[in-house]
C-alpha atoms as a PDB file:
ATOM      1  CA  MET A   1      94.343  78.997 124.679  1.00  0.00           C
ATOM      2  CA  PRO A   2      94.415  82.768 125.331  1.00  0.00           C
ATOM      3  CA  ASP A   3      94.023  84.104 128.867  1.00  0.00           C
ATOM      4  CA  PHE A   4      90.442  85.324 128.472  1.00  0.00           C
ATOM      5  CA  GLY A   5      90.398  86.947 131.924  1.00  0.00           C
ATOM      6  CA  VAL A   6      93.223  89.312 130.995  1.00  0.00           C
ATOM      7  CA  LEU A   7      91.712  89.952 127.561  1.00  0.00           C
ATOM      8  CA  GLU A   8      88.443  90.922 129.242  1.00  0.00           C
ATOM      9  CA  ASP A   9      90.284  93.374 131.496  1.00  0.00           C
ATOM     10  CA  TYR A  10      92.045  94.951 128.519  1.00  0.00           C
ATOM     11  CA  SER A  11      88.715  95.194 126.668  1.00  0.00           C
ATOM     12  CA  GLN A  12      87.220  97.111 129.569  1.00  0.00           C
ATOM     13  CA  TYR A  13      90.171  99.534 129.606  1.00  0.00           C
ATOM     14  CA  LEU A  14      89.838 100.049 125.850  1.00  0.00           C
ATOM     15  CA  LEU A  15      86.104 100.705 126.088  1.00  0.00           C
ATOM     16  CA  PHE A  16      86.771 103.204 128.860  1.00  0.00           C
ATOM     17  CA  ALA A  17      89.443 104.930 126.759  1.00  0.00           C
ATOM     18  CA  PHE A  18      87.169 105.124 123.712  1.00  0.00           C
ATOM     19  CA  TRP A  19      84.313 106.411 125.848  1.00  0.00           C
ATOM     20  CA  ILE A  20      86.529 109.252 127.078  1.00  0.00           C
ATOM     21  CA  GLY A  21      87.816 109.902 123.559  1.00  0.00           C
ATOM     22  CA  GLY A  22      84.306 109.875 122.095  1.00  0.00           C
ATOM     23  CA  CYS A  23      83.026 112.294 124.706  1.00  0.00           C
ATOM     24  CA  ALA A  24      86.005 114.608 124.166  1.00  0.00           C
ATOM     25  CA  PHE A  25      85.446 114.506 120.386  1.00  0.00           C
ATOM     26  CA  ALA A  26      81.720 115.239 120.774  1.00  0.00           C
ATOM     27  CA  LEU A  27      82.302 118.166 123.134  1.00  0.00           C
ATOM     28  CA  GLY A  28      85.115 119.543 120.966  1.00  0.00           C
ATOM     29  CA  SER A  29      82.957 119.354 117.829  1.00  0.00           C
ATOM     30  CA  PHE A  30      79.999 120.946 119.614  1.00  0.00           C
ATOM     31  CA  PHE A  31      82.021 123.891 120.945  1.00  0.00           C
ATOM     32  CA  HIS A  32      83.742 124.329 117.579  1.00  0.00           C
ATOM     33  CA  LEU A  33      80.348 124.659 115.903  1.00  0.00           C
ATOM     34  CA  ALA A  34      78.941 126.897 118.622  1.00  0.00           C
ATOM     35  CA  LEU A  35      81.859 129.224 119.367  1.00  0.00           C
ATOM     36  CA  ILE A  36      83.947 129.311 116.182  1.00  0.00           C
ATOM     37  CA  LYS A  37      81.492 128.659 113.359  1.00  0.00           C
ATOM     38  CA  ARG A  38      78.636 130.355 115.247  1.00  0.00           C
ATOM     39  CA  ASP A  39      76.178 127.708 114.101  1.00  0.00           C
ATOM     40  CA  PRO A  40      72.647 128.646 115.283  1.00  0.00           C
ATOM     41  CA  GLU A  41      71.863 124.970 115.999  1.00  0.00           C
ATOM     42  CA  PRO A  42      75.231 123.366 116.907  1.00  0.00           C
ATOM     43  CA  LEU A  43      73.731 120.273 118.522  1.00  0.00           C
ATOM     44  CA  GLY A  44      71.441 119.539 115.579  1.00  0.00           C
ATOM     45  CA  THR A  45      74.260 120.063 113.082  1.00  0.00           C
ATOM     46  CA  PHE A  46      76.546 117.742 115.050  1.00  0.00           C
ATOM     47  CA  LEU A  47      73.924 114.990 115.311  1.00  0.00           C
ATOM     48  CA  ARG A  48      73.144 115.229 111.597  1.00  0.00           C
ATOM     49  CA  SER A  49      76.844 114.901 110.765  1.00  0.00           C
ATOM     50  CA  ILE A  50      77.080 111.763 112.917  1.00  0.00           C
ATOM     51  CA  GLY A  51      73.988 110.356 111.234  1.00  0.00           C
ATOM     52  CA  GLY A  52      75.522 111.090 107.853  1.00  0.00           C
ATOM     53  CA  VAL A  53      78.672 109.176 108.764  1.00  0.00           C
ATOM     54  CA  PHE A  54      76.962 106.010 109.985  1.00  0.00           C
ATOM     55  CA  GLY A  55      74.119 106.154 107.490  1.00  0.00           C
ATOM     56  CA  ASP A  56      76.405 106.061 104.469  1.00  0.00           C
ATOM     57  CA  ALA A  57      76.042 102.786 102.536  1.00  0.00           C
ATOM     58  CA  GLU A  58      79.560 102.784 101.041  1.00  0.00           C
ATOM     59  CA  ARG A  59      81.142 103.514 104.413  1.00  0.00           C
ATOM     60  CA  ASN A  60      79.116 100.731 106.041  1.00  0.00           C
ATOM     61  CA  ALA A  61      80.142  98.260 103.323  1.00  0.00           C
ATOM     62  CA  ASN A  62      83.828  99.093 103.790  1.00  0.00           C
ATOM     63  CA  SER A  63      83.436  98.877 107.573  1.00  0.00           C
ATOM     64  CA  LEU A  64      81.830  95.440 107.549  1.00  0.00           C
ATOM     65  CA  ASN A  65      84.418  93.686 105.388  1.00  0.00           C
ATOM     66  CA  GLY A  66      87.417  95.538 106.816  1.00  0.00           C
ATOM     67  CA  LEU A  67      86.522  95.059 110.474  1.00  0.00           C
ATOM     68  CA  ALA A  68      85.490  91.419 109.929  1.00  0.00           C
ATOM     69  CA  ALA A  69      88.844  90.614 108.313  1.00  0.00           C
ATOM     70  CA  CYS A  70      90.847  92.398 111.039  1.00  0.00           C
ATOM     71  CA  ILE A  71      88.891  90.841 113.904  1.00  0.00           C
ATOM     72  CA  ALA A  72      89.362  87.371 112.400  1.00  0.00           C
ATOM     73  CA  LEU A  73      93.103  87.986 112.000  1.00  0.00           C
ATOM     74  CA  ILE A  74      93.629  89.338 115.526  1.00  0.00           C
ATOM     75  CA  SER A  75      91.594  86.496 117.041  1.00  0.00           C
ATOM     76  CA  ALA A  76      93.685  83.915 115.188  1.00  0.00           C
ATOM     77  CA  PHE A  77      96.909  85.674 116.129  1.00  0.00           C
ATOM     78  CA  GLY A  78      95.934  85.532 119.809  1.00  0.00           C
ATOM     79  CA  VAL A  79      96.170  81.750 119.559  1.00  0.00           C
ATOM     80  CA  LEU A  80      99.270  81.721 117.318  1.00  0.00           C
ATOM     81  CA  LYS A  81     101.269  84.003 119.638  1.00  0.00           C
ATOM     82  CA  GLY A  82     100.673  81.648 122.558  1.00  0.00           C
ATOM     83  CA  ALA A  83     101.931  78.773 120.410  1.00  0.00           C
ATOM     84  CA  VAL A  84     105.291  80.357 119.491  1.00  0.00           C
ATOM     85  CA  ALA A  85     107.098  79.328 122.692  1.00  0.00           C
ATOM     86  CA  ILE A  86     105.592  75.829 122.489  1.00  0.00           C
ATOM     87  CA  LEU A  87     106.416  75.147 118.845  1.00  0.00           C
ATOM     88  CA  SER A  88     109.795  76.903 118.983  1.00  0.00           C
ATOM     89  CA  PRO A  89     111.277  77.114 122.517  1.00  0.00           C
ATOM     90  CA  PHE A  90     113.315  80.235 123.304  1.00  0.00           C
ATOM     91  CA  ALA A  91     116.800  79.881 121.829  1.00  0.00           C
ATOM     92  CA  TRP A  92     117.840  83.335 120.607  1.00  0.00           C
ATOM     93  CA  ASP A  93     117.911  85.549 123.710  1.00  0.00           C
ATOM     94  CA  HIS A  94     121.654  85.273 124.295  1.00  0.00           C
ATOM     95  CA  ALA A  95     122.446  85.958 120.631  1.00  0.00           C
ATOM     96  CA  LEU A  96     120.138  88.977 120.511  1.00  0.00           C
ATOM     97  CA  ALA A  97     121.566  90.361 123.759  1.00  0.00           C
ATOM     98  CA  GLN A  98     125.078  90.007 122.328  1.00  0.00           C
ATOM     99  CA  ALA A  99     124.004  91.674 119.080  1.00  0.00           C
ATOM    100  CA  ASP A 100     122.670  94.584 121.127  1.00  0.00           C
ATOM    101  CA  ARG A 101     126.038  95.051 122.817  1.00  0.00           C
ATOM    102  CA  VAL A 102     127.909  94.892 119.517  1.00  0.00           C
ATOM    103  CA  LEU A 103     125.613  97.478 117.944  1.00  0.00           C
ATOM    104  CA  HIS A 104     125.821  99.779 120.976  1.00  0.00           C
ATOM    105  CA  PHE A 105     129.608  99.861 121.446  1.00  0.00           C
ATOM    106  CA  GLY A 106     129.897  97.188 124.114  1.00  0.00           C
ATOM    107  CA  ARG A 107     127.020  98.354 126.301  1.00  0.00           C
ATOM    108  CA  ALA A 108     123.426  97.163 126.598  1.00  0.00           C
ATOM    109  CA  PRO A 109     120.954  99.713 125.168  1.00  0.00           C
ATOM    110  CA  HIS A 110     119.265 100.304 128.530  1.00  0.00           C
ATOM    111  CA  GLU A 111     122.631 101.380 129.940  1.00  0.00           C
ATOM    112  CA  TRP A 112     122.725 104.234 127.419  1.00  0.00           C
ATOM    113  CA  LEU A 113     119.184 105.115 128.563  1.00  0.00           C
ATOM    114  CA  TRP A 114     119.961 104.927 132.277  1.00  0.00           C
ATOM    115  CA  PHE A 115     119.005 108.595 132.776  1.00  0.00           C
ATOM    116  CA  ILE A 116     115.452 107.481 131.902  1.00  0.00           C
ATOM    117  CA  VAL A 117     115.530 104.166 133.739  1.00  0.00           C
ATOM    118  CA  GLN A 118     116.575 105.769 137.033  1.00  0.00           C
ATOM    119  CA  SER A 119     113.731 108.307 136.932  1.00  0.00           C
ATOM    120  CA  PRO A 120     110.458 106.778 138.239  1.00  0.00           C
ATOM    121  CA  LEU A 121     108.422 109.559 136.636  1.00  0.00           C
ATOM    122  CA  ALA A 122     110.075 109.023 133.247  1.00  0.00           C
ATOM    123  CA  VAL A 123     109.524 105.264 133.446  1.00  0.00           C
ATOM    124  CA  ARG A 124     105.886 105.845 134.383  1.00  0.00           C
ATOM    125  CA  SER A 125     105.459 108.204 131.410  1.00  0.00           C
ATOM    126  CA  PHE A 126     106.912 105.703 128.978  1.00  0.00           C
ATOM    127  CA  ASN A 127     104.670 102.987 130.444  1.00  0.00           C
ATOM    128  CA  LEU A 128     101.587 105.166 129.884  1.00  0.00           C
ATOM    129  CA  ALA A 129     102.633 105.782 126.278  1.00  0.00           C
ATOM    130  CA  TYR A 130     103.372 102.087 125.780  1.00  0.00           C
ATOM    131  CA  ASN A 131      99.921 101.077 127.014  1.00  0.00           C
ATOM    132  CA  SER A 132      98.252 103.746 124.856  1.00  0.00           C
ATOM    133  CA  TRP A 133      99.570 101.770 121.861  1.00  0.00           C
ATOM    134  CA  PHE A 134      96.531  99.485 122.168  1.00  0.00           C
ATOM    135  CA  VAL A 135      94.168 102.447 121.791  1.00  0.00           C
ATOM    136  CA  VAL A 136      96.141 103.791 118.806  1.00  0.00           C
ATOM    137  CA  LEU A 137      96.118 100.311 117.233  1.00  0.00           C
ATOM    138  CA  ILE A 138      92.345  99.974 117.379  1.00  0.00           C
ATOM    139  CA  ALA A 139      91.745 103.599 116.378  1.00  0.00           C
ATOM    140  CA  SER A 140      94.036 103.299 113.323  1.00  0.00           C
ATOM    141  CA  VAL A 141      92.421 100.073 112.126  1.00  0.00           C
ATOM    142  CA  PHE A 142      88.937 101.476 112.764  1.00  0.00           C
ATOM    143  CA  ILE A 143      89.699 104.655 110.803  1.00  0.00           C
ATOM    144  CA  ALA A 144      91.101 102.665 107.880  1.00  0.00           C
ATOM    145  CA  CYS A 145      88.125 100.314 107.864  1.00  0.00           C
ATOM    146  CA  ILE A 146      85.393 102.975 107.983  1.00  0.00           C
ATOM    147  CA  THR A 147      86.928 105.189 105.299  1.00  0.00           C
ATOM    148  CA  ARG A 148      84.130 105.977 102.863  1.00  0.00           C
ATOM    149  CA  THR A 149      86.196 105.887  99.658  1.00  0.00           C
ATOM    150  CA  ASP A 150      87.829 102.539  98.970  1.00  0.00           C
ATOM    151  CA  THR A 151      91.345 103.758  98.135  1.00  0.00           C
ATOM    152  CA  LYS A 152      94.702 102.154  97.418  1.00  0.00           C
ATOM    153  CA  LEU A 153      95.998 103.759 100.610  1.00  0.00           C
ATOM    154  CA  ARG A 154      93.299 102.000 102.636  1.00  0.00           C
ATOM    155  CA  HIS A 155      94.149  98.658 101.021  1.00  0.00           C
ATOM    156  CA  GLN A 156      97.873  99.290 101.484  1.00  0.00           C
ATOM    157  CA  PHE A 157      97.467  99.860 105.215  1.00  0.00           C
ATOM    158  CA  LEU A 158      95.154  96.905 105.847  1.00  0.00           C
ATOM    159  CA  MET A 159      97.241  94.522 103.723  1.00  0.00           C
ATOM    160  CA  SER A 160     100.430  95.693 105.448  1.00  0.00           C
ATOM    161  CA  PHE A 161      98.750  95.385 108.851  1.00  0.00           C
ATOM    162  CA  MET A 162      97.819  91.758 108.230  1.00  0.00           C
ATOM    163  CA  LEU A 163     101.134  90.766 106.629  1.00  0.00           C
ATOM    164  CA  VAL A 164     103.218  92.291 109.445  1.00  0.00           C
ATOM    165  CA  TRP A 165     101.258  90.303 112.043  1.00  0.00           C
ATOM    166  CA  ILE A 166     101.491  87.047 110.064  1.00  0.00           C
ATOM    167  CA  LEU A 167     105.023  87.206 108.625  1.00  0.00           C
ATOM    168  CA  ALA A 168     106.787  89.030 111.436  1.00  0.00           C
ATOM    169  CA  GLY A 169     104.569  88.308 114.425  1.00  0.00           C
ATOM    170  CA  PHE A 170     104.371  84.566 113.825  1.00  0.00           C
ATOM    171  CA  PHE A 171     106.759  83.127 111.239  1.00  0.00           C
ATOM    172  CA  LEU A 172     109.762  85.330 112.040  1.00  0.00           C
ATOM    173  CA  ALA A 173     108.994  85.075 115.750  1.00  0.00           C
ATOM    174  CA  MET A 174     109.099  81.294 115.369  1.00  0.00           C
ATOM    175  CA  GLY A 175     112.423  81.406 113.541  1.00  0.00           C
ATOM    176  CA  LEU A 176     114.136  83.625 116.130  1.00  0.00           C
ATOM    177  CA  SER A 177     112.137  82.677 119.197  1.00  0.00           C
ATOM    178  CA  SER A 178     113.110  84.795 122.201  1.00  0.00           C
ATOM    179  CA  ALA A 179     111.562  85.962 125.466  1.00  0.00           C
ATOM    180  CA  GLY A 180     113.098  89.385 125.993  1.00  0.00           C
ATOM    181  CA  PRO A 181     115.248  91.114 128.645  1.00  0.00           C
ATOM    182  CA  CYS A 182     112.537  91.043 131.319  1.00  0.00           C
ATOM    183  CA  PHE A 183     112.610  87.222 131.305  1.00  0.00           C
ATOM    184  CA  TYR A 184     116.357  86.816 130.706  1.00  0.00           C
ATOM    185  CA  GLU A 185     117.204  85.985 134.324  1.00  0.00           C
ATOM    186  CA  ARG A 186     114.084  83.841 134.809  1.00  0.00           C
ATOM    187  CA  LEU A 187     115.266  81.683 131.914  1.00  0.00           C
ATOM    188  CA  GLY A 188     118.566  81.134 133.703  1.00  0.00           C
ATOM    189  CA  LEU A 189     120.596  83.049 131.114  1.00  0.00           C
ATOM    190  CA  GLY A 190     122.415  85.323 133.559  1.00  0.00           C
ATOM    191  CA  SER A 191     122.039  88.629 135.362  1.00  0.00           C
ATOM    192  CA  ASP A 192     122.724  90.969 132.423  1.00  0.00           C
ATOM    193  CA  TYR A 193     119.380  92.715 132.915  1.00  0.00           C
ATOM    194  CA  HIS A 194     119.135  92.406 136.706  1.00  0.00           C
ATOM    195  CA  SER A 195     119.939  96.081 137.268  1.00  0.00           C
ATOM    196  CA  LEU A 196     117.263  97.131 134.764  1.00  0.00           C
ATOM    197  CA  MET A 197     114.573  95.020 136.418  1.00  0.00           C
ATOM    198  CA  GLN A 198     115.646  96.240 139.879  1.00  0.00           C
ATOM    199  CA  ALA A 199     115.353  99.849 138.703  1.00  0.00           C
ATOM    200  CA  LEU A 200     111.864  99.155 137.336  1.00  0.00           C
ATOM    201  CA  ALA A 201     110.880  97.522 140.639  1.00  0.00           C
ATOM    202  CA  ALA A 202     112.151 100.603 142.494  1.00  0.00           C
ATOM    203  CA  ALA A 203     110.090 102.865 140.214  1.00  0.00           C
ATOM    204  CA  ASP A 204     107.061 100.642 140.824  1.00  0.00           C
ATOM    205  CA  ARG A 205     107.253 101.454 144.546  1.00  0.00           C
ATOM    206  CA  ILE A 206     106.658 105.122 143.676  1.00  0.00           C
ATOM    207  CA  TYR A 207     104.403 104.930 140.603  1.00  0.00           C
ATOM    208  CA  PRO A 208     102.514 101.854 139.339  1.00  0.00           C
ATOM    209  CA  ILE A 209     104.576 100.380 136.480  1.00  0.00           C
ATOM    210  CA  TRP A 210     101.993  98.214 134.720  1.00  0.00           C
ATOM    211  CA  ALA A 211     104.618  96.515 132.563  1.00  0.00           C
ATOM    212  CA  LEU A 212     105.874  94.573 135.594  1.00  0.00           C
ATOM    213  CA  SER A 213     102.462  93.149 136.502  1.00  0.00           C
ATOM    214  CA  THR A 214     101.809  92.297 132.846  1.00  0.00           C
ATOM    215  CA  GLN A 215     105.174  90.527 132.639  1.00  0.00           C
ATOM    216  CA  ASP A 216     104.235  88.472 135.706  1.00  0.00           C
ATOM    217  CA  ILE A 217     100.904  87.566 134.093  1.00  0.00           C
ATOM    218  CA  VAL A 218     102.410  86.394 130.796  1.00  0.00           C
ATOM    219  CA  TRP A 219     105.143  84.472 132.629  1.00  0.00           C
ATOM    220  CA  SER A 220     102.530  82.707 134.780  1.00  0.00           C
ATOM    221  CA  GLY A 221     100.719  81.683 131.622  1.00  0.00           C
ATOM    222  CA  TYR A 222     103.958  80.474 130.053  1.00  0.00           C
ATOM    223  CA  ILE A 223     104.899  78.213 132.987  1.00  0.00           C
ATOM    224  CA  GLY A 224     101.316  76.990 133.386  1.00  0.00           C
ATOM    225  CA  ALA A 225     100.709  78.586 136.782  1.00  0.00           C
ATOM    226  CA  THR A 226      97.502  80.159 135.462  1.00  0.00           C
ATOM    227  CA  PRO A 227      95.037  78.936 132.826  1.00  0.00           C
ATOM    228  CA  GLY A 228      95.487  80.442 129.405  1.00  0.00           C
ATOM    229  CA  SER A 229      98.364  82.498 128.062  1.00  0.00           C
ATOM    230  CA  LEU A 230      98.976  85.784 126.290  1.00  0.00           C
ATOM    231  CA  GLY A 231     102.141  84.381 124.754  1.00  0.00           C
ATOM    232  CA  ILE A 232     105.754  85.545 125.005  1.00  0.00           C
ATOM    233  CA  SER A 233     107.702  86.618 121.940  1.00  0.00           C
ATOM    234  CA  ALA A 234     110.350  89.343 121.800  1.00  0.00           C
ATOM    235  CA  PHE A 235     111.718  89.278 118.250  1.00  0.00           C
ATOM    236  CA  PRO A 236     110.545  91.227 116.371  1.00  0.00           C
ATOM    237  CA  SER A 237     108.768  93.895 118.409  1.00  0.00           C
ATOM    238  CA  MET A 238     105.193  94.085 117.199  1.00  0.00           C
ATOM    239  CA  HIS A 239     104.682  97.260 119.238  1.00  0.00           C
ATOM    240  CA  VAL A 240     107.405  98.981 117.226  1.00  0.00           C
ATOM    241  CA  ALA A 241     106.387  97.371 113.923  1.00  0.00           C
ATOM    242  CA  MET A 242     102.807  98.557 114.301  1.00  0.00           C
ATOM    243  CA  ALA A 243     103.799 102.026 115.535  1.00  0.00           C
ATOM    244  CA  VAL A 244     105.960 102.469 112.424  1.00  0.00           C
ATOM    245  CA  LEU A 245     103.096 101.251 110.247  1.00  0.00           C
ATOM    246  CA  PHE A 246     100.735 103.744 111.935  1.00  0.00           C
ATOM    247  CA  ALA A 247     103.243 106.519 111.229  1.00  0.00           C
ATOM    248  CA  LEU A 248     103.553 105.541 107.553  1.00  0.00           C
ATOM    249  CA  TYR A 249      99.782 105.511 107.145  1.00  0.00           C
ATOM    250  CA  ALA A 250      99.203 108.691 109.133  1.00  0.00           C
ATOM    251  CA  THR A 251     101.843 110.597 107.146  1.00  0.00           C
ATOM    252  CA  ARG A 252     100.018 109.779 103.907  1.00  0.00           C
ATOM    253  CA  ARG A 253      96.660 110.859 105.309  1.00  0.00           C
ATOM    254  CA  SER A 254      97.643 114.088 107.025  1.00  0.00           C
ATOM    255  CA  ARG A 255     100.828 116.030 107.705  1.00  0.00           C
ATOM    256  CA  LEU A 256      99.648 116.794 111.245  1.00  0.00           C
ATOM    257  CA  ALA A 257      98.844 113.136 111.913  1.00  0.00           C
ATOM    258  CA  GLY A 258     102.295 112.192 110.637  1.00  0.00           C
ATOM    259  CA  LEU A 259     103.955 114.745 112.917  1.00  0.00           C
ATOM    260  CA  LEU A 260     102.161 113.128 115.857  1.00  0.00           C
ATOM    261  CA  MET A 261     102.677 109.485 114.945  1.00  0.00           C
ATOM    262  CA  CYS A 262     106.381 109.612 114.040  1.00  0.00           C
ATOM    263  CA  PRO A 263     107.419 110.757 117.556  1.00  0.00           C
ATOM    264  CA  PHE A 264     104.952 108.216 118.978  1.00  0.00           C
ATOM    265  CA  ALA A 265     106.798 105.432 117.113  1.00  0.00           C
ATOM    266  CA  ALA A 266     110.105 106.674 118.546  1.00  0.00           C
ATOM    267  CA  ILE A 267     108.635 106.721 122.073  1.00  0.00           C
ATOM    268  CA  ILE A 268     107.384 103.137 121.663  1.00  0.00           C
ATOM    269  CA  MET A 269     110.844 102.104 120.460  1.00  0.00           C
ATOM    270  CA  VAL A 270     112.566 103.622 123.499  1.00  0.00           C
ATOM    271  CA  GLY A 271     109.834 102.371 125.844  1.00  0.00           C
ATOM    272  CA  SER A 272     110.230  98.799 124.616  1.00  0.00           C
ATOM    273  CA  VAL A 273     113.856  98.886 125.815  1.00  0.00           C
ATOM    274  CA  VAL A 274     113.345 100.905 129.006  1.00  0.00           C
ATOM    275  CA  LEU A 275     110.506  98.642 130.189  1.00  0.00           C
ATOM    276  CA  GLY A 276     112.518  95.489 129.517  1.00  0.00           C
ATOM    277  CA  TRP A 277     110.163  94.048 126.929  1.00  0.00           C
ATOM    278  CA  HIS A 278     112.596  94.002 124.011  1.00  0.00           C
ATOM    279  CA  TYR A 279     116.191  94.055 122.905  1.00  0.00           C
ATOM    280  CA  ALA A 280     116.899  97.141 120.809  1.00  0.00           C
ATOM    281  CA  VAL A 281     117.620  94.924 117.803  1.00  0.00           C
ATOM    282  CA  ASP A 282     114.011  93.705 118.010  1.00  0.00           C
ATOM    283  CA  GLY A 283     112.865  97.247 117.327  1.00  0.00           C
ATOM    284  CA  TYR A 284     115.430  97.969 114.614  1.00  0.00           C
ATOM    285  CA  ALA A 285     114.352  94.848 112.737  1.00  0.00           C
ATOM    286  CA  SER A 286     110.704  95.802 113.164  1.00  0.00           C
ATOM    287  CA  VAL A 287     111.265  99.208 111.581  1.00  0.00           C
ATOM    288  CA  LEU A 288     112.851  97.635 108.504  1.00  0.00           C
ATOM    289  CA  ILE A 289     110.176  94.917 108.269  1.00  0.00           C
ATOM    290  CA  SER A 290     107.273  97.368 108.432  1.00  0.00           C
ATOM    291  CA  ILE A 291     108.795  99.705 105.841  1.00  0.00           C
ATOM    292  CA  ALA A 292     109.599  96.797 103.514  1.00  0.00           C
ATOM    293  CA  ILE A 293     106.090  95.316 103.755  1.00  0.00           C
ATOM    294  CA  TRP A 294     104.514  98.773 103.357  1.00  0.00           C
ATOM    295  CA  LYS A 295     106.544  99.421 100.193  1.00  0.00           C
ATOM    296  CA  ALA A 296     105.852  95.942  98.813  1.00  0.00           C
ATOM    297  CA  CYS A 297     102.093  96.317  99.318  1.00  0.00           C
ATOM    298  CA  GLY A 298     102.177  99.748  97.704  1.00  0.00           C
ATOM    299  CA  TYR A 299     104.036  98.340  94.693  1.00  0.00           C
ATOM    300  CA  PHE A 300     101.636  95.401  94.422  1.00  0.00           C
ATOM    301  CA  LEU A 301      98.576  97.650  94.518  1.00  0.00           C
ATOM    302  CA  GLY A 302     100.150  99.961  91.967  1.00  0.00           C
ATOM    303  CA  LYS A 303     100.327  96.994  89.584  1.00  0.00           C
ATOM    304  CA  PHE A 304      97.322  94.893  90.550  1.00  0.00           C
ATOM    305  CA  ALA A 305      94.832  97.096  92.424  1.00  0.00           C
ATOM    306  CA  PRO A 306      91.265  95.697  92.312  1.00  0.00           C
ATOM    307  CA  GLU A 307      88.961  97.371  89.835  1.00  0.00           C
ATOM    308  CA  GLY A 308      87.045 100.266  91.384  1.00  0.00           C
ATOM    309  CA  VAL A 309      89.655 101.092  94.036  1.00  0.00           C
ATOM    310  CA  ALA A 310      90.394 104.826  93.941  1.00  0.00           C
ATOM    311  CA  ALA A 311      93.940 106.109  93.574  1.00  0.00           C
END
């Protein structure tokens, strides 16, 4: 079963983040109306626009079915992820670590990124970005679900979102079950990543590196020291897979959004290695998987889009 205590903590952080974001959006919209558009009643105009958004029948219909499907999927995946290590014990860590060295000219990827690893401030910054992925995940799904016009792009994103979680996050994770660099030594596989984890521990003495405490939590769940589990699965990296999917979707919606989300995906990729969560090959595979599923869903909808779905 999932670790509901940790999930509750994450839910509180997400609510806090959305509260801050909502307040910032409201204030920004209000001042835009008042100072730039010179609206005589900026507050009334803003409130009417909000009412128009949530009072729209088509938007509400899209929201209900889209959010219900995504919530059901994520809830089910919370159980499936915890089952990966049970159904398919870790067997691929050594092979993935070796593949990393082959692809990176005989060195582990974090060794090429040592200028980041040895800087506590840089590690802290990447950890903040890595944790913000959860906010971006929920915001992206929410935006896609509440879109008023039921478009092929909306279907393409939501279909891709679900297929990436199911095919890559469960079935592929089962086939190449691995724990990741942060657990390499704990699994008795050697000290290849000892220097990386020591550097992260040193950074944690200066700035809180949340990845380390989260790694301890998921490991405790894995060995049964605490009730419930968040699951451990390194290959492929769902953080990278989703970040790439967000970038693909954002680029189609807005050039500005694409310019923001593409660098964000790159930061998540680097952060997954720097923080010890993933082998670099986990991220490379995730990029290819997300693009392939995105293209396949786009092709499928081009041929078999439901009647009434706008182009």
